[in-house]
Amino acid sequence: QVQLVESGGGLGQAGGSLNLSCAASGRPIEHYSMGWFRQAPGKERTFVATTWGTGTKIYADSVRGRFTISRDNAKNMVYLQIDNLTPDDTAIYYCAQGRSTFSGSEPRDYDYWGQGTQVTVSS
């Protein structure tokens, strides 16, 4: 049984940084895409970033340059570094494991999800 557990969310200040972590268990992440999505209040869940099993990283245009996704296959961990926080980053952030090595930016491309971690950014 695959489980994904996010951590590292909390309250941040505009201009600051947060580092989110996702611990995976039940299926090695090595050959799968691992992604981050976020859902702001009253909005749909949207793609943030993904890292393919090959190591390729893909970012949403809205976060490119401020967010950095990384993975440690040996530890079955995925990370999301968020720099230069803005109030628009306020959302629940979800970690997801892709259906394949090359999953895309749609939620349907991912078959396992964590419970999410709240990020709140004050101005």
PDB file of N, CA and C in Angstrom:
ATOM      1  N   GLN A   1       0.846  -1.188   0.000  1.00  0.00           N
ATOM      2  CA  GLN A   1       0.000   0.000   0.000  1.00  0.00           C
ATOM      3  C   GLN A   1       0.881   1.237   0.000  1.00  0.00           C
ATOM      4  N   VAL A   2       0.660   2.099  -0.975  1.00  0.00           N
ATOM      5  CA  VAL A   2       1.462   3.304  -1.093  1.00  0.00           C
ATOM      6  C   VAL A   2       0.925   4.369  -0.149  1.00  0.00           C
ATOM      7  N   GLN A   3       1.828   4.994   0.554  1.00  0.00           N
ATOM      8  CA  GLN A   3       1.471   6.123   1.418  1.00  0.00           C
ATOM      9  C   GLN A   3       2.428   7.273   1.154  1.00  0.00           C
ATOM     10  N   LEU A   4       1.855   8.463   1.104  1.00  0.00           N
ATOM     11  CA  LEU A   4       2.637   9.683   0.933  1.00  0.00           C
ATOM     12  C   LEU A   4       2.285  10.617   2.082  1.00  0.00           C
ATOM     13  N   VAL A   5       3.291  11.108   2.772  1.00  0.00           N
ATOM     14  CA  VAL A   5       3.068  11.978   3.913  1.00  0.00           C
ATOM     15  C   VAL A   5       3.874  13.253   3.737  1.00  0.00           C
ATOM     16  N   GLU A   6       3.143  14.364   3.622  1.00  0.00           N
ATOM     17  CA  GLU A   6       3.799  15.656   3.463  1.00  0.00           C
ATOM     18  C   GLU A   6       4.081  16.286   4.822  1.00  0.00           C
ATOM     19  N   SER A   7       5.096  17.118   4.855  1.00  0.00           N
ATOM     20  CA  SER A   7       5.426  17.886   6.054  1.00  0.00           C
ATOM     21  C   SER A   7       6.157  19.150   5.637  1.00  0.00           C
ATOM     22  N   GLY A   8       6.290  20.061   6.591  1.00  0.00           N
ATOM     23  CA  GLY A   8       7.064  21.265   6.330  1.00  0.00           C
ATOM     24  C   GLY A   8       6.241  22.499   6.054  1.00  0.00           C
ATOM     25  N   GLY A   9       4.927  22.342   5.960  1.00  0.00           N
ATOM     26  CA  GLY A   9       4.092  23.510   5.750  1.00  0.00           C
ATOM     27  C   GLY A   9       4.010  24.351   7.006  1.00  0.00           C
ATOM     28  N   GLY A  10       3.309  25.449   6.896  1.00  0.00           N
ATOM     29  CA  GLY A  10       3.157  26.328   8.045  1.00  0.00           C
ATOM     30  C   GLY A  10       2.962  27.752   7.601  1.00  0.00           C
ATOM     31  N   LEU A  11       3.253  28.653   8.516  1.00  0.00           N
ATOM     32  CA  LEU A  11       3.079  30.077   8.248  1.00  0.00           C
ATOM     33  C   LEU A  11       4.409  30.665   7.814  1.00  0.00           C
ATOM     34  N   GLY A  12       4.397  31.345   6.677  1.00  0.00           N
ATOM     35  CA  GLY A  12       5.592  32.007   6.203  1.00  0.00           C
ATOM     36  C   GLY A  12       5.297  33.464   5.919  1.00  0.00           C
ATOM     37  N   GLN A  13       6.337  34.229   5.841  1.00  0.00           N
ATOM     38  CA  GLN A  13       6.190  35.651   5.516  1.00  0.00           C
ATOM     39  C   GLN A  13       6.560  35.893   4.062  1.00  0.00           C
ATOM     40  N   ALA A  14       5.917  36.854   3.476  1.00  0.00           N
ATOM     41  CA  ALA A  14       6.240  37.213   2.093  1.00  0.00           C
ATOM     42  C   ALA A  14       7.737  37.508   1.988  1.00  0.00           C
ATOM     43  N   GLY A  15       8.337  36.922   0.972  1.00  0.00           N
ATOM     44  CA  GLY A  15       9.763  37.077   0.768  1.00  0.00           C
ATOM     45  C   GLY A  15      10.604  36.001   1.417  1.00  0.00           C
ATOM     46  N   GLY A  16       9.970  35.214   2.281  1.00  0.00           N
ATOM     47  CA  GLY A  16      10.685  34.157   2.964  1.00  0.00           C
ATOM     48  C   GLY A  16      10.692  32.856   2.173  1.00  0.00           C
ATOM     49  N   SER A  17      11.078  31.779   2.842  1.00  0.00           N
ATOM     50  CA  SER A  17      11.190  30.467   2.192  1.00  0.00           C
ATOM     51  C   SER A  17      10.571  29.385   3.066  1.00  0.00           C
ATOM     52  N   LEU A  18      10.137  28.338   2.415  1.00  0.00           N
ATOM     53  CA  LEU A  18       9.675  27.132   3.092  1.00  0.00           C
ATOM     54  C   LEU A  18      10.184  25.934   2.322  1.00  0.00           C
ATOM     55  N   ASN A  19      10.412  24.848   3.029  1.00  0.00           N
ATOM     56  CA  ASN A  19      10.844  23.612   2.378  1.00  0.00           C
ATOM     57  C   ASN A  19       9.879  22.495   2.761  1.00  0.00           C
ATOM     58  N   LEU A  20       9.159  22.004   1.782  1.00  0.00           N
ATOM     59  CA  LEU A  20       8.203  20.929   2.005  1.00  0.00           C
ATOM     60  C   LEU A  20       8.862  19.587   1.726  1.00  0.00           C
ATOM     61  N   SER A  21       8.443  18.593   2.481  1.00  0.00           N
ATOM     62  CA  SER A  21       8.966  17.235   2.297  1.00  0.00           C
ATOM     63  C   SER A  21       7.810  16.276   2.077  1.00  0.00           C
ATOM     64  N   CYS A  22       8.096  15.205   1.371  1.00  0.00           N
ATOM     65  CA  CYS A  22       7.116  14.145   1.139  1.00  0.00           C
ATOM     66  C   CYS A  22       7.817  12.812   1.333  1.00  0.00           C
ATOM     67  N   ALA A  23       7.345  12.050   2.305  1.00  0.00           N
ATOM     68  CA  ALA A  23       7.902  10.732   2.574  1.00  0.00           C
ATOM     69  C   ALA A  23       7.002   9.684   1.951  1.00  0.00           C
ATOM     70  N   ALA A  24       7.577   8.866   1.076  1.00  0.00           N
ATOM     71  CA  ALA A  24       6.817   7.830   0.387  1.00  0.00           C
ATOM     72  C   ALA A  24       7.153   6.463   0.953  1.00  0.00           C
ATOM     73  N   SER A  25       6.151   5.618   0.998  1.00  0.00           N
ATOM     74  CA  SER A  25       6.360   4.239   1.424  1.00  0.00           C
ATOM     75  C   SER A  25       5.436   3.338   0.637  1.00  0.00           C
ATOM     76  N   GLY A  26       5.802   2.057   0.570  1.00  0.00           N
ATOM     77  CA  GLY A  26       4.956   1.071  -0.093  1.00  0.00           C
ATOM     78  C   GLY A  26       5.332   0.784  -1.530  1.00  0.00           C
ATOM     79  N   ARG A  27       5.995   1.718  -2.193  1.00  0.00           N
ATOM     80  CA  ARG A  27       6.441   1.516  -3.573  1.00  0.00           C
ATOM     81  C   ARG A  27       7.637   2.426  -3.804  1.00  0.00           C
ATOM     82  N   PRO A  28       8.763   1.899  -4.177  1.00  0.00           N
ATOM     83  CA  PRO A  28       9.934   2.743  -4.408  1.00  0.00           C
ATOM     84  C   PRO A  28       9.641   3.802  -5.469  1.00  0.00           C
ATOM     85  N   ILE A  29      10.095   5.021  -5.220  1.00  0.00           N
ATOM     86  CA  ILE A  29       9.776   6.105  -6.133  1.00  0.00           C
ATOM     87  C   ILE A  29      10.712   6.165  -7.334  1.00  0.00           C
ATOM     88  N   GLU A  30      11.754   5.361  -7.305  1.00  0.00           N
ATOM     89  CA  GLU A  30      12.855   5.495  -8.263  1.00  0.00           C
ATOM     90  C   GLU A  30      12.395   5.579  -9.712  1.00  0.00           C
ATOM     91  N   HIS A  31      11.421   4.777 -10.096  1.00  0.00           N
ATOM     92  CA  HIS A  31      11.028   4.705 -11.506  1.00  0.00           C
ATOM     93  C   HIS A  31       9.738   5.448 -11.799  1.00  0.00           C
ATOM     94  N   TYR A  32       9.295   6.266 -10.854  1.00  0.00           N
ATOM     95  CA  TYR A  32       8.030   6.970 -11.023  1.00  0.00           C
ATOM     96  C   TYR A  32       8.215   8.479 -10.943  1.00  0.00           C
ATOM     97  N   SER A  33       7.355   9.176 -11.651  1.00  0.00           N
ATOM     98  CA  SER A  33       7.282  10.618 -11.482  1.00  0.00           C
ATOM     99  C   SER A  33       6.743  10.919 -10.089  1.00  0.00           C
ATOM    100  N   MET A  34       7.258  12.003  -9.519  1.00  0.00           N
ATOM    101  CA  MET A  34       6.752  12.497  -8.245  1.00  0.00           C
ATOM    102  C   MET A  34       6.419  13.978  -8.419  1.00  0.00           C
ATOM    103  N   GLY A  35       5.200  14.324  -8.083  1.00  0.00           N
ATOM    104  CA  GLY A  35       4.756  15.690  -8.334  1.00  0.00           C
ATOM    105  C   GLY A  35       4.244  16.399  -7.107  1.00  0.00           C
ATOM    106  N   TRP A  36       4.160  17.706  -7.242  1.00  0.00           N
ATOM    107  CA  TRP A  36       3.533  18.557  -6.230  1.00  0.00           C
ATOM    108  C   TRP A  36       2.408  19.343  -6.912  1.00  0.00           C
ATOM    109  N   PHE A  37       1.275  19.382  -6.244  1.00  0.00           N
ATOM    110  CA  PHE A  37       0.133  20.176  -6.660  1.00  0.00           C
ATOM    111  C   PHE A  37      -0.265  21.055  -5.487  1.00  0.00           C
ATOM    112  N   ARG A  38      -1.074  22.058  -5.782  1.00  0.00           N
ATOM    113  CA  ARG A  38      -1.584  22.881  -4.677  1.00  0.00           C
ATOM    114  C   ARG A  38      -3.029  23.263  -4.953  1.00  0.00           C
ATOM    115  N   GLN A  39      -3.737  23.519  -3.869  1.00  0.00           N
ATOM    116  CA  GLN A  39      -5.131  23.906  -3.969  1.00  0.00           C
ATOM    117  C   GLN A  39      -5.378  25.072  -3.038  1.00  0.00           C
ATOM    118  N   ALA A  40      -5.654  26.209  -3.632  1.00  0.00           N
ATOM    119  CA  ALA A  40      -5.969  27.403  -2.854  1.00  0.00           C
ATOM    120  C   ALA A  40      -7.449  27.385  -2.476  1.00  0.00           C
ATOM    121  N   PRO A  41      -7.833  28.122  -1.440  1.00  0.00           N
ATOM    122  CA  PRO A  41      -9.232  28.137  -1.001  1.00  0.00           C
ATOM    123  C   PRO A  41     -10.175  28.506  -2.142  1.00  0.00           C
ATOM    124  N   GLY A  42     -11.169  27.670  -2.352  1.00  0.00           N
ATOM    125  CA  GLY A  42     -12.167  27.952  -3.365  1.00  0.00           C
ATOM    126  C   GLY A  42     -11.719  27.723  -4.793  1.00  0.00           C
ATOM    127  N   LYS A  43     -10.541  27.136  -4.980  1.00  0.00           N
ATOM    128  CA  LYS A  43     -10.019  26.921  -6.327  1.00  0.00           C
ATOM    129  C   LYS A  43      -9.720  25.446  -6.564  1.00  0.00           C
ATOM    130  N   GLU A  44      -9.509  25.105  -7.820  1.00  0.00           N
ATOM    131  CA  GLU A  44      -9.186  23.727  -8.168  1.00  0.00           C
ATOM    132  C   GLU A  44      -7.727  23.418  -7.854  1.00  0.00           C
ATOM    133  N   ARG A  45      -7.452  22.149  -7.752  1.00  0.00           N
ATOM    134  CA  ARG A  45      -6.083  21.695  -7.533  1.00  0.00           C
ATOM    135  C   ARG A  45      -5.273  21.936  -8.811  1.00  0.00           C
ATOM    136  N   THR A  46      -4.129  22.556  -8.666  1.00  0.00           N
ATOM    137  CA  THR A  46      -3.322  22.885  -9.835  1.00  0.00           C
ATOM    138  C   THR A  46      -1.908  22.330  -9.715  1.00  0.00           C
ATOM    139  N   PHE A  47      -1.321  22.099 -10.849  1.00  0.00           N
ATOM    140  CA  PHE A  47       0.023  21.552 -10.938  1.00  0.00           C
ATOM    141  C   PHE A  47       1.059  22.578 -10.503  1.00  0.00           C
ATOM    142  N   VAL A  48       2.056  22.113  -9.762  1.00  0.00           N
ATOM    143  CA  VAL A  48       3.158  22.976  -9.343  1.00  0.00           C
ATOM    144  C   VAL A  48       4.458  22.522 -10.009  1.00  0.00           C
ATOM    145  N   ALA A  49       4.804  21.265  -9.807  1.00  0.00           N
ATOM    146  CA  ALA A  49       6.061  20.759 -10.352  1.00  0.00           C
ATOM    147  C   ALA A  49       6.048  19.245 -10.318  1.00  0.00           C
ATOM    148  N   THR A  50       6.873  18.658 -11.173  1.00  0.00           N
ATOM    149  CA  THR A  50       7.049  17.218 -11.147  1.00  0.00           C
ATOM    150  C   THR A  50       8.494  16.873 -11.487  1.00  0.00           C
ATOM    151  N   THR A  51       8.937  15.778 -10.954  1.00  0.00           N
ATOM    152  CA  THR A  51      10.254  15.257 -11.316  1.00  0.00           C
ATOM    153  C   THR A  51      10.080  13.844 -11.816  1.00  0.00           C
ATOM    154  N   TRP A  52      10.512  13.630 -13.047  1.00  0.00           N
ATOM    155  CA  TRP A  52      10.364  12.318 -13.656  1.00  0.00           C
ATOM    156  C   TRP A  52      11.323  11.306 -13.027  1.00  0.00           C
ATOM    157  N   GLY A  53      11.050  10.063 -13.290  1.00  0.00           N
ATOM    158  CA  GLY A  53      11.938   9.014 -12.816  1.00  0.00           C
ATOM    159  C   GLY A  53      13.351   9.143 -13.377  1.00  0.00           C
ATOM    160  N   THR A  54      13.492   9.840 -14.492  1.00  0.00           N
ATOM    161  CA  THR A  54      14.801  10.050 -15.107  1.00  0.00           C
ATOM    162  C   THR A  54      15.536  11.231 -14.474  1.00  0.00           C
ATOM    163  N   GLY A  55      14.816  11.995 -13.643  1.00  0.00           N
ATOM    164  CA  GLY A  55      15.417  13.162 -13.007  1.00  0.00           C
ATOM    165  C   GLY A  55      15.015  14.485 -13.638  1.00  0.00           C
ATOM    166  N   THR A  56      14.380  14.429 -14.802  1.00  0.00           N
ATOM    167  CA  THR A  56      13.900  15.656 -15.440  1.00  0.00           C
ATOM    168  C   THR A  56      12.890  16.362 -14.536  1.00  0.00           C
ATOM    169  N   LYS A  57      12.997  17.686 -14.489  1.00  0.00           N
ATOM    170  CA  LYS A  57      12.095  18.481 -13.654  1.00  0.00           C
ATOM    171  C   LYS A  57      11.262  19.408 -14.529  1.00  0.00           C
ATOM    172  N   ILE A  58       9.990  19.487 -14.217  1.00  0.00           N
ATOM    173  CA  ILE A  58       9.070  20.336 -14.964  1.00  0.00           C
ATOM    174  C   ILE A  58       8.313  21.205 -13.978  1.00  0.00           C
ATOM    175  N   TYR A  59       8.191  22.478 -14.298  1.00  0.00           N
ATOM    176  CA  TYR A  59       7.526  23.428 -13.406  1.00  0.00           C
ATOM    177  C   TYR A  59       6.369  24.124 -14.106  1.00  0.00           C
ATOM    178  N   ALA A  60       5.372  24.495 -13.306  1.00  0.00           N
ATOM    179  CA  ALA A  60       4.334  25.369 -13.812  1.00  0.00           C
ATOM    180  C   ALA A  60       4.956  26.739 -14.069  1.00  0.00           C
ATOM    181  N   ASP A  61       4.457  27.429 -15.083  1.00  0.00           N
ATOM    182  CA  ASP A  61       5.010  28.741 -15.420  1.00  0.00           C
ATOM    183  C   ASP A  61       4.943  29.698 -14.234  1.00  0.00           C
ATOM    184  N   SER A  62       3.897  29.558 -13.440  1.00  0.00           N
ATOM    185  CA  SER A  62       3.670  30.500 -12.341  1.00  0.00           C
ATOM    186  C   SER A  62       4.690  30.381 -11.214  1.00  0.00           C
ATOM    187  N   VAL A  63       5.409  29.258 -11.164  1.00  0.00           N
ATOM    188  CA  VAL A  63       6.330  29.061 -10.043  1.00  0.00           C
ATOM    189  C   VAL A  63       7.784  28.912 -10.488  1.00  0.00           C
ATOM    190  N   ARG A  64       7.988  28.822 -11.791  1.00  0.00           N
ATOM    191  CA  ARG A  64       9.355  28.604 -12.285  1.00  0.00           C
ATOM    192  C   ARG A  64      10.263  29.736 -11.833  1.00  0.00           C
ATOM    193  N   GLY A  65      11.408  29.369 -11.296  1.00  0.00           N
ATOM    194  CA  GLY A  65      12.353  30.348 -10.802  1.00  0.00           C
ATOM    195  C   GLY A  65      12.273  30.573  -9.298  1.00  0.00           C
ATOM    196  N   ARG A  66      11.159  30.234  -8.697  1.00  0.00           N
ATOM    197  CA  ARG A  66      11.013  30.373  -7.242  1.00  0.00           C
ATOM    198  C   ARG A  66      10.906  29.045  -6.526  1.00  0.00           C
ATOM    199  N   PHE A  67      10.388  28.029  -7.233  1.00  0.00           N
ATOM    200  CA  PHE A  67      10.205  26.717  -6.635  1.00  0.00           C
ATOM    201  C   PHE A  67      11.261  25.763  -7.186  1.00  0.00           C
ATOM    202  N   THR A  68      11.714  24.873  -6.322  1.00  0.00           N
ATOM    203  CA  THR A  68      12.678  23.853  -6.741  1.00  0.00           C
ATOM    204  C   THR A  68      12.227  22.499  -6.221  1.00  0.00           C
ATOM    205  N   ILE A  69      11.998  21.582  -7.139  1.00  0.00           N
ATOM    206  CA  ILE A  69      11.623  20.224  -6.751  1.00  0.00           C
ATOM    207  C   ILE A  69      12.871  19.346  -6.795  1.00  0.00           C
ATOM    208  N   SER A  70      12.944  18.433  -5.850  1.00  0.00           N
ATOM    209  CA  SER A  70      14.079  17.504  -5.837  1.00  0.00           C
ATOM    210  C   SER A  70      13.621  16.172  -5.259  1.00  0.00           C
ATOM    211  N   ARG A  71      14.435  15.163  -5.472  1.00  0.00           N
ATOM    212  CA  ARG A  71      14.072  13.839  -4.979  1.00  0.00           C
ATOM    213  C   ARG A  71      15.324  13.119  -4.496  1.00  0.00           C
ATOM    214  N   ASP A  72      15.113  12.238  -3.525  1.00  0.00           N
ATOM    215  CA  ASP A  72      16.181  11.374  -3.031  1.00  0.00           C
ATOM    216  C   ASP A  72      15.628   9.955  -3.109  1.00  0.00           C
ATOM    217  N   ASN A  73      15.963   9.262  -4.176  1.00  0.00           N
ATOM    218  CA  ASN A  73      15.393   7.931  -4.393  1.00  0.00           C
ATOM    219  C   ASN A  73      15.811   6.948  -3.297  1.00  0.00           C
ATOM    220  N   ALA A  74      17.008   7.106  -2.794  1.00  0.00           N
ATOM    221  CA  ALA A  74      17.485   6.193  -1.755  1.00  0.00           C
ATOM    222  C   ALA A  74      16.653   6.311  -0.485  1.00  0.00           C
ATOM    223  N   LYS A  75      16.179   7.501  -0.209  1.00  0.00           N
ATOM    224  CA  LYS A  75      15.380   7.737   0.994  1.00  0.00           C
ATOM    225  C   LYS A  75      13.878   7.722   0.708  1.00  0.00           C
ATOM    226  N   ASN A  76      13.517   7.571  -0.558  1.00  0.00           N
ATOM    227  CA  ASN A  76      12.095   7.617  -0.944  1.00  0.00           C
ATOM    228  C   ASN A  76      11.454   8.937  -0.526  1.00  0.00           C
ATOM    229  N   MET A  77      12.176  10.033  -0.777  1.00  0.00           N
ATOM    230  CA  MET A  77      11.725  11.360  -0.365  1.00  0.00           C
ATOM    231  C   MET A  77      11.677  12.290  -1.563  1.00  0.00           C
ATOM    232  N   VAL A  78      10.744  13.223  -1.502  1.00  0.00           N
ATOM    233  CA  VAL A  78      10.622  14.284  -2.493  1.00  0.00           C
ATOM    234  C   VAL A  78      10.504  15.598  -1.735  1.00  0.00           C
ATOM    235  N   TYR A  79      11.072  16.643  -2.301  1.00  0.00           N
ATOM    236  CA  TYR A  79      11.106  17.926  -1.624  1.00  0.00           C
ATOM    237  C   TYR A  79      10.619  19.037  -2.557  1.00  0.00           C
ATOM    238  N   LEU A  80      10.117  20.092  -1.945  1.00  0.00           N
ATOM    239  CA  LEU A  80       9.747  21.287  -2.695  1.00  0.00           C
ATOM    240  C   LEU A  80      10.234  22.494  -1.921  1.00  0.00           C
ATOM    241  N   GLN A  81      11.234  23.151  -2.461  1.00  0.00           N
ATOM    242  CA  GLN A  81      11.742  24.372  -1.870  1.00  0.00           C
ATOM    243  C   GLN A  81      11.002  25.547  -2.481  1.00  0.00           C
ATOM    244  N   ILE A  82      10.426  26.381  -1.631  1.00  0.00           N
ATOM    245  CA  ILE A  82       9.687  27.557  -2.094  1.00  0.00           C
ATOM    246  C   ILE A  82      10.420  28.798  -1.613  1.00  0.00           C
ATOM    247  N   ASP A  83      10.892  29.595  -2.532  1.00  0.00           N
ATOM    248  CA  ASP A  83      11.598  30.827  -2.195  1.00  0.00           C
ATOM    249  C   ASP A  83      10.775  32.046  -2.578  1.00  0.00           C
ATOM    250  N   ASN A  84      11.109  33.152  -1.961  1.00  0.00           N
ATOM    251  CA  ASN A  84      10.428  34.418  -2.248  1.00  0.00           C
ATOM    252  C   ASN A  84       8.905  34.242  -2.177  1.00  0.00           C
ATOM    253  N   LEU A  85       8.452  33.746  -1.051  1.00  0.00           N
ATOM    254  CA  LEU A  85       7.031  33.480  -0.841  1.00  0.00           C
ATOM    255  C   LEU A  85       6.177  34.712  -1.124  1.00  0.00           C
ATOM    256  N   THR A  86       5.003  34.472  -1.667  1.00  0.00           N
ATOM    257  CA  THR A  86       4.008  35.520  -1.854  1.00  0.00           C
ATOM    258  C   THR A  86       2.681  35.022  -1.285  1.00  0.00           C
ATOM    259  N   PRO A  87       1.784  35.951  -0.933  1.00  0.00           N
ATOM    260  CA  PRO A  87       0.471  35.514  -0.427  1.00  0.00           C
ATOM    261  C   PRO A  87      -0.263  34.590  -1.402  1.00  0.00           C
ATOM    262  N   ASP A  88       0.016  34.707  -2.683  1.00  0.00           N
ATOM    263  CA  ASP A  88      -0.633  33.834  -3.674  1.00  0.00           C
ATOM    264  C   ASP A  88      -0.179  32.380  -3.555  1.00  0.00           C
ATOM    265  N   ASP A  89       0.869  32.136  -2.806  1.00  0.00           N
ATOM    266  CA  ASP A  89       1.320  30.758  -2.580  1.00  0.00           C
ATOM    267  C   ASP A  89       0.515  30.061  -1.498  1.00  0.00           C
ATOM    268  N   THR A  90      -0.360  30.792  -0.832  1.00  0.00           N
ATOM    269  CA  THR A  90      -1.195  30.199   0.210  1.00  0.00           C
ATOM    270  C   THR A  90      -2.095  29.130  -0.387  1.00  0.00           C
ATOM    271  N   ALA A  91      -1.957  27.915   0.116  1.00  0.00           N
ATOM    272  CA  ALA A  91      -2.698  26.775  -0.425  1.00  0.00           C
ATOM    273  C   ALA A  91      -2.363  25.533   0.387  1.00  0.00           C
ATOM    274  N   ILE A  92      -3.106  24.486   0.127  1.00  0.00           N
ATOM    275  CA  ILE A  92      -2.717  23.161   0.608  1.00  0.00           C
ATOM    276  C   ILE A  92      -1.855  22.537  -0.484  1.00  0.00           C
ATOM    277  N   TYR A  93      -0.697  22.048  -0.097  1.00  0.00           N
ATOM    278  CA  TYR A  93       0.235  21.456  -1.043  1.00  0.00           C
ATOM    279  C   TYR A  93       0.195  19.929  -0.916  1.00  0.00           C
ATOM    280  N   TYR A  94       0.005  19.283  -2.067  1.00  0.00           N
ATOM    281  CA  TYR A  94      -0.130  17.835  -2.112  1.00  0.00           C
ATOM    282  C   TYR A  94       1.038  17.207  -2.871  1.00  0.00           C
ATOM    283  N   CYS A  95       1.538  16.137  -2.322  1.00  0.00           N
ATOM    284  CA  CYS A  95       2.528  15.312  -2.992  1.00  0.00           C
ATOM    285  C   CYS A  95       1.781  14.180  -3.705  1.00  0.00           C
ATOM    286  N   ALA A  96       2.252  13.792  -4.873  1.00  0.00           N
ATOM    287  CA  ALA A  96       1.586  12.738  -5.630  1.00  0.00           C
ATOM    288  C   ALA A  96       2.604  11.862  -6.362  1.00  0.00           C
ATOM    289  N   GLN A  97       2.292  10.601  -6.461  1.00  0.00           N
ATOM    290  CA  GLN A  97       3.147   9.675  -7.194  1.00  0.00           C
ATOM    291  C   GLN A  97       2.509   9.351  -8.544  1.00  0.00           C
ATOM    292  N   GLY A  98       3.283   9.493  -9.585  1.00  0.00           N
ATOM    293  CA  GLY A  98       2.761   9.300 -10.921  1.00  0.00           C
ATOM    294  C   GLY A  98       2.490   7.854 -11.284  1.00  0.00           C
ATOM    295  N   ARG A  99       1.705   7.703 -12.339  1.00  0.00           N
ATOM    296  CA  ARG A  99       1.369   6.361 -12.830  1.00  0.00           C
ATOM    297  C   ARG A  99       2.531   5.768 -13.622  1.00  0.00           C
ATOM    298  N   SER A 100       3.473   6.613 -14.007  1.00  0.00           N
ATOM    299  CA  SER A 100       4.583   6.128 -14.825  1.00  0.00           C
ATOM    300  C   SER A 100       5.819   6.988 -14.572  1.00  0.00           C
ATOM    301  N   THR A 101       6.849   6.703 -15.320  1.00  0.00           N
ATOM    302  CA  THR A 101       8.093   7.455 -15.205  1.00  0.00           C
ATOM    303  C   THR A 101       7.938   8.876 -15.700  1.00  0.00           C
ATOM    304  N   PHE A 102       7.034   9.073 -16.670  1.00  0.00           N
ATOM    305  CA  PHE A 102       6.924  10.363 -17.352  1.00  0.00           C
ATOM    306  C   PHE A 102       5.538  10.972 -17.191  1.00  0.00           C
ATOM    307  N   SER A 103       5.094  11.115 -15.984  1.00  0.00           N
ATOM    308  CA  SER A 103       3.769  11.679 -15.754  1.00  0.00           C
ATOM    309  C   SER A 103       3.757  13.170 -16.059  1.00  0.00           C
ATOM    310  N   GLY A 104       2.581  13.643 -16.445  1.00  0.00           N
ATOM    311  CA  GLY A 104       2.454  15.027 -16.849  1.00  0.00           C
ATOM    312  C   GLY A 104       1.974  15.936 -15.750  1.00  0.00           C
ATOM    313  N   SER A 105       1.225  16.961 -16.132  1.00  0.00           N
ATOM    314  CA  SER A 105       0.796  17.992 -15.198  1.00  0.00           C
ATOM    315  C   SER A 105      -0.671  17.895 -14.805  1.00  0.00           C
ATOM    316  N   GLU A 106      -1.343  16.837 -15.213  1.00  0.00           N
ATOM    317  CA  GLU A 106      -2.743  16.681 -14.858  1.00  0.00           C
ATOM    318  C   GLU A 106      -2.877  15.773 -13.640  1.00  0.00           C
ATOM    319  N   PRO A 107      -3.810  16.072 -12.741  1.00  0.00           N
ATOM    320  CA  PRO A 107      -4.004  15.194 -11.584  1.00  0.00           C
ATOM    321  C   PRO A 107      -4.257  13.739 -11.973  1.00  0.00           C
ATOM    322  N   ARG A 108      -4.892  13.511 -13.118  1.00  0.00           N
ATOM    323  CA  ARG A 108      -5.186  12.139 -13.536  1.00  0.00           C
ATOM    324  C   ARG A 108      -3.929  11.355 -13.880  1.00  0.00           C
ATOM    325  N   ASP A 109      -2.815  12.031 -14.025  1.00  0.00           N
ATOM    326  CA  ASP A 109      -1.558  11.359 -14.318  1.00  0.00           C
ATOM    327  C   ASP A 109      -0.933  10.738 -13.075  1.00  0.00           C
ATOM    328  N   TYR A 110      -1.553  10.952 -11.921  1.00  0.00           N
ATOM    329  CA  TYR A 110      -1.008  10.507 -10.637  1.00  0.00           C
ATOM    330  C   TYR A 110      -2.025   9.632  -9.925  1.00  0.00           C
ATOM    331  N   ASP A 111      -1.558   8.544  -9.356  1.00  0.00           N
ATOM    332  CA  ASP A 111      -2.510   7.622  -8.752  1.00  0.00           C
ATOM    333  C   ASP A 111      -2.433   7.539  -7.238  1.00  0.00           C
ATOM    334  N   TYR A 112      -1.448   8.138  -6.635  1.00  0.00           N
ATOM    335  CA  TYR A 112      -1.392   8.162  -5.174  1.00  0.00           C
ATOM    336  C   TYR A 112      -1.138   9.582  -4.703  1.00  0.00           C
ATOM    337  N   TRP A 113      -1.837   9.941  -3.621  1.00  0.00           N
ATOM    338  CA  TRP A 113      -1.797  11.307  -3.116  1.00  0.00           C
ATOM    339  C   TRP A 113      -1.613  11.312  -1.610  1.00  0.00           C
ATOM    340  N   GLY A 114      -0.907  12.318  -1.137  1.00  0.00           N
ATOM    341  CA  GLY A 114      -0.842  12.535   0.292  1.00  0.00           C
ATOM    342  C   GLY A 114      -2.039  13.320   0.780  1.00  0.00           C
ATOM    343  N   GLN A 115      -2.073  13.571   2.069  1.00  0.00           N
ATOM    344  CA  GLN A 115      -3.176  14.306   2.677  1.00  0.00           C
ATOM    345  C   GLN A 115      -3.003  15.822   2.541  1.00  0.00           C
ATOM    346  N   GLY A 116      -1.807  16.243   2.220  1.00  0.00           N
ATOM    347  CA  GLY A 116      -1.570  17.665   2.029  1.00  0.00           C
ATOM    348  C   GLY A 116      -0.982  18.343   3.248  1.00  0.00           C
ATOM    349  N   THR A 117      -0.304  19.433   2.999  1.00  0.00           N
ATOM    350  CA  THR A 117       0.234  20.264   4.072  1.00  0.00           C
ATOM    351  C   THR A 117      -0.097  21.720   3.772  1.00  0.00           C
ATOM    352  N   GLN A 118      -0.593  22.421   4.764  1.00  0.00           N
ATOM    353  CA  GLN A 118      -1.046  23.796   4.579  1.00  0.00           C
ATOM    354  C   GLN A 118       0.129  24.766   4.574  1.00  0.00           C
ATOM    355  N   VAL A 119       0.139  25.627   3.593  1.00  0.00           N
ATOM    356  CA  VAL A 119       1.089  26.740   3.536  1.00  0.00           C
ATOM    357  C   VAL A 119       0.294  28.034   3.551  1.00  0.00           C
ATOM    358  N   THR A 120       0.594  28.876   4.485  1.00  0.00           N
ATOM    359  CA  THR A 120      -0.064  30.174   4.594  1.00  0.00           C
ATOM    360  C   THR A 120       0.999  31.256   4.600  1.00  0.00           C
ATOM    361  N   VAL A 121       0.848  32.223   3.715  1.00  0.00           N
ATOM    362  CA  VAL A 121       1.850  33.274   3.587  1.00  0.00           C
ATOM    363  C   VAL A 121       1.215  34.616   3.943  1.00  0.00           C
ATOM    364  N   SER A 122       1.826  35.282   4.870  1.00  0.00           N
ATOM    365  CA  SER A 122       1.332  36.600   5.273  1.00  0.00           C
ATOM    366  C   SER A 122       2.130  37.681   4.558  1.00  0.00           C
ATOM    367  N   SER A 123       1.440  38.779   4.293  1.00  0.00           N
ATOM    368  CA  SER A 123       2.096  39.881   3.560  1.00  0.00           C
ATOM    369  C   SER A 123       2.817  40.827   4.503  1.00  0.00           C
TER     370      SER A 123
END
